[in-house]
PDB file of N, CA and C in Angstrom:
ATOM      1  N   MET A   1      37.973 -80.317   8.689  1.00  0.00           N
ATOM      2  CA  MET A   1      38.167 -79.012   8.114  1.00  0.00           C
ATOM      3  C   MET A   1      39.648 -78.664   8.217  1.00  0.00           C
ATOM      4  N   PRO A   2      40.224 -78.096   7.178  1.00  0.00           N
ATOM      5  CA  PRO A   2      41.650 -77.736   7.206  1.00  0.00           C
ATOM      6  C   PRO A   2      41.936 -76.685   8.275  1.00  0.00           C
ATOM      7  N   ALA A   3      43.178 -76.657   8.716  1.00  0.00           N
ATOM      8  CA  ALA A   3      43.575 -75.695   9.746  1.00  0.00           C
ATOM      9  C   ALA A   3      44.974 -75.178   9.452  1.00  0.00           C
ATOM     10  N   PHE A   4      45.270 -73.996   9.968  1.00  0.00           N
ATOM     11  CA  PHE A   4      46.592 -73.391   9.884  1.00  0.00           C
ATOM     12  C   PHE A   4      47.154 -73.278  11.291  1.00  0.00           C
ATOM     13  N   LEU A   5      48.472 -73.365  11.387  1.00  0.00           N
ATOM     14  CA  LEU A   5      49.160 -73.080  12.640  1.00  0.00           C
ATOM     15  C   LEU A   5      50.186 -72.014  12.309  1.00  0.00           C
ATOM     16  N   ILE A   6      50.065 -70.865  12.935  1.00  0.00           N
ATOM     17  CA  ILE A   6      50.975 -69.761  12.646  1.00  0.00           C
ATOM     18  C   ILE A   6      51.799 -69.501  13.893  1.00  0.00           C
ATOM     19  N   ARG A   7      53.103 -69.620  13.748  1.00  0.00           N
ATOM     20  CA  ARG A   7      54.003 -69.424  14.883  1.00  0.00           C
ATOM     21  C   ARG A   7      54.716 -68.089  14.772  1.00  0.00           C
ATOM     22  N   ASN A   8      55.243 -67.648  15.903  1.00  0.00           N
ATOM     23  CA  ASN A   8      56.105 -66.462  15.989  1.00  0.00           C
ATOM     24  C   ASN A   8      55.432 -65.188  15.497  1.00  0.00           C
ATOM     25  N   ILE A   9      54.189 -64.999  15.873  1.00  0.00           N
ATOM     26  CA  ILE A   9      53.489 -63.761  15.553  1.00  0.00           C
ATOM     27  C   ILE A   9      53.975 -62.698  16.533  1.00  0.00           C
ATOM     28  N   PRO A  10      54.361 -61.530  16.044  1.00  0.00           N
ATOM     29  CA  PRO A  10      54.800 -60.484  16.973  1.00  0.00           C
ATOM     30  C   PRO A  10      53.693 -60.145  17.977  1.00  0.00           C
ATOM     31  N   LYS A  11      54.093 -59.866  19.203  1.00  0.00           N
ATOM     32  CA  LYS A  11      53.133 -59.600  20.275  1.00  0.00           C
ATOM     33  C   LYS A  11      52.189 -58.448  19.914  1.00  0.00           C
ATOM     34  N   LYS A  12      52.734 -57.390  19.302  1.00  0.00           N
ATOM     35  CA  LYS A  12      51.912 -56.236  18.930  1.00  0.00           C
ATOM     36  C   LYS A  12      50.855 -56.643  17.902  1.00  0.00           C
ATOM     37  N   THR A  13      51.224 -57.465  16.944  1.00  0.00           N
ATOM     38  CA  THR A  13      50.270 -57.938  15.930  1.00  0.00           C
ATOM     39  C   THR A  13      49.171 -58.754  16.595  1.00  0.00           C
ATOM     40  N   HIS A  14      49.547 -59.629  17.507  1.00  0.00           N
ATOM     41  CA  HIS A  14      48.577 -60.454  18.228  1.00  0.00           C
ATOM     42  C   HIS A  14      47.592 -59.577  18.998  1.00  0.00           C
ATOM     43  N   GLU A  15      48.098 -58.563  19.680  1.00  0.00           N
ATOM     44  CA  GLU A  15      47.235 -57.659  20.439  1.00  0.00           C
ATOM     45  C   GLU A  15      46.287 -56.893  19.523  1.00  0.00           C
ATOM     46  N   GLN A  16      46.799 -56.446  18.360  1.00  0.00           N
ATOM     47  CA  GLN A  16      45.963 -55.701  17.422  1.00  0.00           C
ATOM     48  C   GLN A  16      44.841 -56.577  16.866  1.00  0.00           C
ATOM     49  N   ILE A  17      45.130 -57.832  16.588  1.00  0.00           N
ATOM     50  CA  ILE A  17      44.101 -58.741  16.084  1.00  0.00           C
ATOM     51  C   ILE A  17      43.054 -58.996  17.159  1.00  0.00           C
ATOM     52  N   LYS A  18      43.486 -59.158  18.408  1.00  0.00           N
ATOM     53  CA  LYS A  18      42.529 -59.345  19.504  1.00  0.00           C
ATOM     54  C   LYS A  18      41.627 -58.124  19.649  1.00  0.00           C
ATOM     55  N   LYS A  19      42.190 -56.916  19.542  1.00  0.00           N
ATOM     56  CA  LYS A  19      41.390 -55.692  19.632  1.00  0.00           C
ATOM     57  C   LYS A  19      40.404 -55.600  18.467  1.00  0.00           C
ATOM     58  N   ARG A  20      40.877 -55.946  17.275  1.00  0.00           N
ATOM     59  CA  ARG A  20      40.005 -55.915  16.095  1.00  0.00           C
ATOM     60  C   ARG A  20      38.842 -56.890  16.285  1.00  0.00           C
ATOM     61  N   ALA A  21      39.137 -58.079  16.776  1.00  0.00           N
ATOM     62  CA  ALA A  21      38.096 -59.083  17.007  1.00  0.00           C
ATOM     63  C   ALA A  21      37.073 -58.565  18.006  1.00  0.00           C
ATOM     64  N   LYS A  22      37.539 -57.938  19.065  1.00  0.00           N
ATOM     65  CA  LYS A  22      36.630 -57.402  20.078  1.00  0.00           C
ATOM     66  C   LYS A  22      35.728 -56.323  19.488  1.00  0.00           C
ATOM     67  N   ARG A  23      36.312 -55.444  18.661  1.00  0.00           N
ATOM     68  CA  ARG A  23      35.515 -54.389  18.008  1.00  0.00           C
ATOM     69  C   ARG A  23      34.415 -54.966  17.138  1.00  0.00           C
ATOM     70  N   HIS A  24      34.715 -56.088  16.480  1.00  0.00           N
ATOM     71  CA  HIS A  24      33.749 -56.717  15.584  1.00  0.00           C
ATOM     72  C   HIS A  24      32.847 -57.723  16.302  1.00  0.00           C
ATOM     73  N   GLY A  25      33.068 -57.918  17.595  1.00  0.00           N
ATOM     74  CA  GLY A  25      32.235 -58.848  18.354  1.00  0.00           C
ATOM     75  C   GLY A  25      32.536 -60.304  18.048  1.00  0.00           C
ATOM     76  N   ASN A  26      33.778 -60.592  17.669  1.00  0.00           N
ATOM     77  CA  ASN A  26      34.179 -61.959  17.326  1.00  0.00           C
ATOM     78  C   ASN A  26      35.231 -62.476  18.294  1.00  0.00           C
ATOM     79  N   SER A  27      35.400 -63.782  18.271  1.00  0.00           N
ATOM     80  CA  SER A  27      36.556 -64.357  18.954  1.00  0.00           C
ATOM     81  C   SER A  27      37.773 -64.072  18.074  1.00  0.00           C
ATOM     82  N   THR A  28      38.954 -64.204  18.640  1.00  0.00           N
ATOM     83  CA  THR A  28      40.166 -63.995  17.860  1.00  0.00           C
ATOM     84  C   THR A  28      40.231 -64.989  16.704  1.00  0.00           C
ATOM     85  N   GLU A  29      39.861 -66.223  16.969  1.00  0.00           N
ATOM     86  CA  GLU A  29      39.888 -67.250  15.923  1.00  0.00           C
ATOM     87  C   GLU A  29      38.921 -66.919  14.789  1.00  0.00           C
ATOM     88  N   ALA A  30      37.713 -66.487  15.129  1.00  0.00           N
ATOM     89  CA  ALA A  30      36.733 -66.134  14.097  1.00  0.00           C
ATOM     90  C   ALA A  30      37.223 -64.943  13.284  1.00  0.00           C
ATOM     91  N   GLU A  31      37.844 -63.982  13.946  1.00  0.00           N
ATOM     92  CA  GLU A  31      38.362 -62.806  13.235  1.00  0.00           C
ATOM     93  C   GLU A  31      39.469 -63.209  12.275  1.00  0.00           C
ATOM     94  N   LEU A  32      40.332 -64.123  12.704  1.00  0.00           N
ATOM     95  CA  LEU A  32      41.396 -64.595  11.814  1.00  0.00           C
ATOM     96  C   LEU A  32      40.825 -65.327  10.604  1.00  0.00           C
ATOM     97  N   ARG A  33      39.751 -66.098  10.801  1.00  0.00           N
ATOM     98  CA  ARG A  33      39.108 -66.756   9.666  1.00  0.00           C
ATOM     99  C   ARG A  33      38.599 -65.729   8.667  1.00  0.00           C
ATOM    100  N   LEU A  34      38.002 -64.646   9.182  1.00  0.00           N
ATOM    101  CA  LEU A  34      37.508 -63.588   8.292  1.00  0.00           C
ATOM    102  C   LEU A  34      38.652 -62.906   7.548  1.00  0.00           C
ATOM    103  N   ILE A  35      39.750 -62.648   8.241  1.00  0.00           N
ATOM    104  CA  ILE A  35      40.905 -62.003   7.613  1.00  0.00           C
ATOM    105  C   ILE A  35      41.461 -62.889   6.499  1.00  0.00           C
ATOM    106  N   VAL A  36      41.614 -64.182   6.781  1.00  0.00           N
ATOM    107  CA  VAL A  36      42.140 -65.112   5.779  1.00  0.00           C
ATOM    108  C   VAL A  36      41.183 -65.227   4.598  1.00  0.00           C
ATOM    109  N   ALA A  37      39.880 -65.313   4.868  1.00  0.00           N
ATOM    110  CA  ALA A  37      38.893 -65.409   3.791  1.00  0.00           C
ATOM    111  C   ALA A  37      38.928 -64.154   2.920  1.00  0.00           C
ATOM    112  N   GLU A  38      39.058 -62.982   3.540  1.00  0.00           N
ATOM    113  CA  GLU A  38      39.121 -61.731   2.781  1.00  0.00           C
ATOM    114  C   GLU A  38      40.384 -61.685   1.922  1.00  0.00           C
ATOM    115  N   ALA A  39      41.491 -62.128   2.485  1.00  0.00           N
ATOM    116  CA  ALA A  39      42.743 -62.148   1.716  1.00  0.00           C
ATOM    117  C   ALA A  39      42.617 -63.089   0.516  1.00  0.00           C
ATOM    118  N   ALA A  40      42.026 -64.246   0.728  1.00  0.00           N
ATOM    119  CA  ALA A  40      41.854 -65.203  -0.373  1.00  0.00           C
ATOM    120  C   ALA A  40      40.862 -64.657  -1.398  1.00  0.00           C
ATOM    121  N   ARG A  41      39.808 -64.005  -0.931  1.00  0.00           N
ATOM    122  CA  ARG A  41      38.800 -63.437  -1.831  1.00  0.00           C
ATOM    123  C   ARG A  41      39.430 -62.362  -2.706  1.00  0.00           C
ATOM    124  N   SER A  42      40.336 -61.567  -2.148  1.00  0.00           N
ATOM    125  CA  SER A  42      40.970 -60.502  -2.919  1.00  0.00           C
ATOM    126  C   SER A  42      41.871 -61.074  -4.010  1.00  0.00           C
ATOM    127  N   GLU A  43      42.253 -62.326  -3.854  1.00  0.00           N
ATOM    128  CA  GLU A  43      43.042 -63.007  -4.880  1.00  0.00           C
ATOM    129  C   GLU A  43      42.147 -63.650  -5.936  1.00  0.00           C
ATOM    130  N   GLY A  44      40.828 -63.540  -5.732  1.00  0.00           N
ATOM    131  CA  GLY A  44      39.888 -64.056  -6.719  1.00  0.00           C
ATOM    132  C   GLY A  44      39.563 -65.526  -6.584  1.00  0.00           C
ATOM    133  N   THR A  45      39.761 -66.096  -5.413  1.00  0.00           N
ATOM    134  CA  THR A  45      39.451 -67.502  -5.205  1.00  0.00           C
ATOM    135  C   THR A  45      37.946 -67.653  -5.016  1.00  0.00           C
ATOM    136  N   PRO A  46      37.227 -68.270  -5.972  1.00  0.00           N
ATOM    137  CA  PRO A  46      35.770 -68.313  -5.888  1.00  0.00           C
ATOM    138  C   PRO A  46      35.219 -69.130  -4.724  1.00  0.00           C
ATOM    139  N   GLU A  47      35.919 -70.176  -4.264  1.00  0.00           N
ATOM    140  CA  GLU A  47      35.343 -71.033  -3.229  1.00  0.00           C
ATOM    141  C   GLU A  47      35.244 -70.376  -1.862  1.00  0.00           C
ATOM    142  N   VAL A  48      35.955 -69.271  -1.607  1.00  0.00           N
ATOM    143  CA  VAL A  48      35.833 -68.589  -0.323  1.00  0.00           C
ATOM    144  C   VAL A  48      35.003 -67.322  -0.434  1.00  0.00           C
ATOM    145  N   ALA A  49      34.473 -67.052  -1.603  1.00  0.00           N
ATOM    146  CA  ALA A  49      33.695 -65.835  -1.785  1.00  0.00           C
ATOM    147  C   ALA A  49      32.433 -65.830  -0.937  1.00  0.00           C
ATOM    148  N   THR A  50      32.010 -66.995  -0.446  1.00  0.00           N
ATOM    149  CA  THR A  50      30.797 -67.077   0.362  1.00  0.00           C
ATOM    150  C   THR A  50      31.091 -67.053   1.861  1.00  0.00           C
ATOM    151  N   ALA A  51      32.367 -66.838   2.254  1.00  0.00           N
ATOM    152  CA  ALA A  51      32.692 -66.794   3.680  1.00  0.00           C
ATOM    153  C   ALA A  51      31.882 -65.692   4.345  1.00  0.00           C
ATOM    154  N   GLN A  52      31.258 -66.011   5.471  1.00  0.00           N
ATOM    155  CA  GLN A  52      30.389 -65.068   6.150  1.00  0.00           C
ATOM    156  C   GLN A  52      30.853 -64.856   7.572  1.00  0.00           C
ATOM    157  N   LYS A  53      30.376 -63.775   8.127  1.00  0.00           N
ATOM    158  CA  LYS A  53      30.633 -63.505   9.534  1.00  0.00           C
ATOM    159  C   LYS A  53      29.898 -64.556  10.365  1.00  0.00           C
ATOM    160  N   PRO A  54      30.456 -64.959  11.506  1.00  0.00           N
ATOM    161  CA  PRO A  54      29.790 -65.962  12.341  1.00  0.00           C
ATOM    162  C   PRO A  54      28.353 -65.558  12.681  1.00  0.00           C
ATOM    163  N   ALA A  55      27.512 -66.551  12.860  1.00  0.00           N
ATOM    164  CA  ALA A  55      26.095 -66.321  13.168  1.00  0.00           C
ATOM    165  C   ALA A  55      25.939 -65.611  14.501  1.00  0.00           C
ATOM    166  N   VAL A  56      24.795 -64.971  14.676  1.00  0.00           N
ATOM    167  CA  VAL A  56      24.512 -64.300  15.946  1.00  0.00           C
ATOM    168  C   VAL A  56      24.221 -65.348  17.013  1.00  0.00           C
ATOM    169  N   GLY A  57      24.301 -64.932  18.256  1.00  0.00           N
ATOM    170  CA  GLY A  57      24.049 -65.847  19.360  1.00  0.00           C
ATOM    171  C   GLY A  57      22.576 -66.197  19.507  1.00  0.00           C
ATOM    172  N   LEU A  58      22.297 -67.214  20.277  1.00  0.00           N
ATOM    173  CA  LEU A  58      20.940 -67.694  20.473  1.00  0.00           C
ATOM    174  C   LEU A  58      20.049 -66.628  21.091  1.00  0.00           C
ATOM    175  N   GLY A  59      20.539 -65.916  22.099  1.00  0.00           N
ATOM    176  CA  GLY A  59      19.734 -64.891  22.748  1.00  0.00           C
ATOM    177  C   GLY A  59      19.319 -63.790  21.778  1.00  0.00           C
ATOM    178  N   THR A  60      20.268 -63.340  20.956  1.00  0.00           N
ATOM    179  CA  THR A  60      19.972 -62.311  19.963  1.00  0.00           C
ATOM    180  C   THR A  60      18.945 -62.817  18.962  1.00  0.00           C
ATOM    181  N   MET A  61      19.096 -64.053  18.542  1.00  0.00           N
ATOM    182  CA  MET A  61      18.166 -64.642  17.585  1.00  0.00           C
ATOM    183  C   MET A  61      16.757 -64.726  18.173  1.00  0.00           C
ATOM    184  N   LEU A  62      16.640 -65.137  19.430  1.00  0.00           N
ATOM    185  CA  LEU A  62      15.327 -65.221  20.071  1.00  0.00           C
ATOM    186  C   LEU A  62      14.688 -63.842  20.224  1.00  0.00           C
ATOM    187  N   GLN A  63      15.494 -62.833  20.539  1.00  0.00           N
ATOM    188  CA  GLN A  63      14.960 -61.474  20.642  1.00  0.00           C
ATOM    189  C   GLN A  63      14.429 -60.993  19.294  1.00  0.00           C
ATOM    190  N   GLU A  64      15.159 -61.284  18.218  1.00  0.00           N
ATOM    191  CA  GLU A  64      14.714 -60.872  16.889  1.00  0.00           C
ATOM    192  C   GLU A  64      13.398 -61.548  16.517  1.00  0.00           C
ATOM    193  N   ILE A  65      13.256 -62.829  16.840  1.00  0.00           N
ATOM    194  CA  ILE A  65      12.010 -63.548  16.557  1.00  0.00           C
ATOM    195  C   ILE A  65      10.863 -62.939  17.361  1.00  0.00           C
ATOM    196  N   ALA A  66      11.111 -62.656  18.626  1.00  0.00           N
ATOM    197  CA  ALA A  66      10.071 -62.084  19.486  1.00  0.00           C
ATOM    198  C   ALA A  66       9.635 -60.714  18.957  1.00  0.00           C
ATOM    199  N   ARG A  67      10.604 -59.861  18.598  1.00  0.00           N
ATOM    200  CA  ARG A  67      10.261 -58.537  18.066  1.00  0.00           C
ATOM    201  C   ARG A  67       9.438 -58.637  16.788  1.00  0.00           C
ATOM    202  N   LYS A  68       9.793 -59.598  15.949  1.00  0.00           N
ATOM    203  CA  LYS A  68       9.081 -59.793  14.682  1.00  0.00           C
ATOM    204  C   LYS A  68       7.607 -60.107  14.927  1.00  0.00           C
ATOM    205  N   HIS A  69       7.317 -60.769  16.032  1.00  0.00           N
ATOM    206  CA  HIS A  69       5.949 -61.161  16.372  1.00  0.00           C
ATOM    207  C   HIS A  69       5.299 -60.214  17.383  1.00  0.00           C
ATOM    208  N   GLY A  70       5.928 -59.076  17.632  1.00  0.00           N
ATOM    209  CA  GLY A  70       5.333 -58.066  18.502  1.00  0.00           C
ATOM    210  C   GLY A  70       5.426 -58.349  19.979  1.00  0.00           C
ATOM    211  N   VAL A  71       6.272 -59.273  20.375  1.00  0.00           N
ATOM    212  CA  VAL A  71       6.425 -59.588  21.796  1.00  0.00           C
ATOM    213  C   VAL A  71       7.477 -58.652  22.376  1.00  0.00           C
ATOM    214  N   SER A  72       7.172 -58.071  23.511  1.00  0.00           N
ATOM    215  CA  SER A  72       8.158 -57.218  24.163  1.00  0.00           C
ATOM    216  C   SER A  72       8.482 -57.805  25.535  1.00  0.00           C
ATOM    217  N   PHE A  73       9.689 -57.634  25.919  1.00  0.00           N
ATOM    218  CA  PHE A  73      10.138 -58.139  27.210  1.00  0.00           C
ATOM    219  C   PHE A  73      10.329 -56.962  28.151  1.00  0.00           C
ATOM    220  N   PRO A  74       9.973 -57.122  29.415  1.00  0.00           N
ATOM    221  CA  PRO A  74      10.176 -56.015  30.349  1.00  0.00           C
ATOM    222  C   PRO A  74      11.666 -55.780  30.567  1.00  0.00           C
ATOM    223  N   ASP A  75      12.007 -54.517  30.731  1.00  0.00           N
ATOM    224  CA  ASP A  75      13.393 -54.198  31.050  1.00  0.00           C
ATOM    225  C   ASP A  75      13.653 -54.619  32.486  1.00  0.00           C
ATOM    226  N   PHE A  76      14.815 -55.121  32.725  1.00  0.00           N
ATOM    227  CA  PHE A  76      15.164 -55.490  34.086  1.00  0.00           C
ATOM    228  C   PHE A  76      16.617 -55.139  34.333  1.00  0.00           C
ATOM    229  N   VAL A  77      16.923 -54.941  35.576  1.00  0.00           N
ATOM    230  CA  VAL A  77      18.281 -54.641  35.981  1.00  0.00           C
ATOM    231  C   VAL A  77      18.783 -55.832  36.785  1.00  0.00           C
ATOM    232  N   ARG A  78      19.928 -56.328  36.396  1.00  0.00           N
ATOM    233  CA  ARG A  78      20.484 -57.460  37.129  1.00  0.00           C
ATOM    234  C   ARG A  78      20.905 -57.052  38.524  1.00  0.00           C
ATOM    235  N   ASP A  79      20.644 -57.937  39.459  1.00  0.00           N
ATOM    236  CA  ASP A  79      21.071 -57.711  40.838  1.00  0.00           C
ATOM    237  C   ASP A  79      22.542 -58.097  40.934  1.00  0.00           C
ATOM    238  N   LYS A  80      23.389 -57.119  41.119  1.00  0.00           N
ATOM    239  CA  LYS A  80      24.830 -57.378  41.168  1.00  0.00           C
ATOM    240  C   LYS A  80      25.351 -57.446  42.600  1.00  0.00           C
ATOM    241  N   THR A  81      24.430 -57.609  43.553  1.00  0.00           N
ATOM    242  CA  THR A  81      24.827 -57.735  44.944  1.00  0.00           C
ATOM    243  C   THR A  81      25.597 -59.036  45.128  1.00  0.00           C
ATOM    244  N   PRO A  82      26.771 -58.962  45.731  1.00  0.00           N
ATOM    245  CA  PRO A  82      27.537 -60.193  45.935  1.00  0.00           C
ATOM    246  C   PRO A  82      26.764 -61.180  46.798  1.00  0.00           C
ATOM    247  N   ILE A  83      26.852 -62.432  46.456  1.00  0.00           N
ATOM    248  CA  ILE A  83      26.158 -63.448  47.236  1.00  0.00           C
ATOM    249  C   ILE A  83      27.059 -63.924  48.379  1.00  0.00           C
ATOM    250  N   GLU A  84      26.435 -64.443  49.378  1.00  0.00           N
ATOM    251  CA  GLU A  84      27.181 -65.012  50.490  1.00  0.00           C
ATOM    252  C   GLU A  84      27.579 -66.429  50.134  1.00  0.00           C
ATOM    253  N   PRO A  85      28.838 -66.786  50.340  1.00  0.00           N
ATOM    254  CA  PRO A  85      29.245 -68.164  50.052  1.00  0.00           C
ATOM    255  C   PRO A  85      28.489 -69.155  50.922  1.00  0.00           C
ATOM    256  N   MET A  86      28.255 -70.312  50.396  1.00  0.00           N
ATOM    257  CA  MET A  86      27.561 -71.356  51.134  1.00  0.00           C
ATOM    258  C   MET A  86      28.475 -71.918  52.224  1.00  0.00           C
ATOM    259  N   THR A  87      27.918 -72.201  53.345  1.00  0.00           N
ATOM    260  CA  THR A  87      28.702 -72.819  54.423  1.00  0.00           C
ATOM    261  C   THR A  87      28.143 -74.201  54.725  1.00  0.00           C
ATOM    262  N   PHE A  88      28.994 -75.073  55.138  1.00  0.00           N
ATOM    263  CA  PHE A  88      28.601 -76.445  55.432  1.00  0.00           C
ATOM    264  C   PHE A  88      28.846 -76.776  56.903  1.00  0.00           C
ATOM    265  N   ASP A  89      28.375 -75.905  57.775  1.00  0.00           N
ATOM    266  CA  ASP A  89      28.582 -76.106  59.221  1.00  0.00           C
ATOM    267  C   ASP A  89      27.568 -77.052  59.802  1.00  0.00           C
TER     268      ASP A  89
END
């Protein structure tokens, strides 16, 4: 698959792209792919018109399947108590 290497991006621009990616739930790389695809699409390039947002994660997909079939999972709260390190005495 083709790739781009972009050098000398201003620090503020880099930070803004990272924030945008976080807002959209993407990695910085995935967000940049979306930005590039949108820019190319606005130029009327038909081969990138099908660019899509990255797929959802496995956990989200399994939850959607379970909900579709009426399965509910009990709510639980994670135990955030720090664990004791293992000792080898």
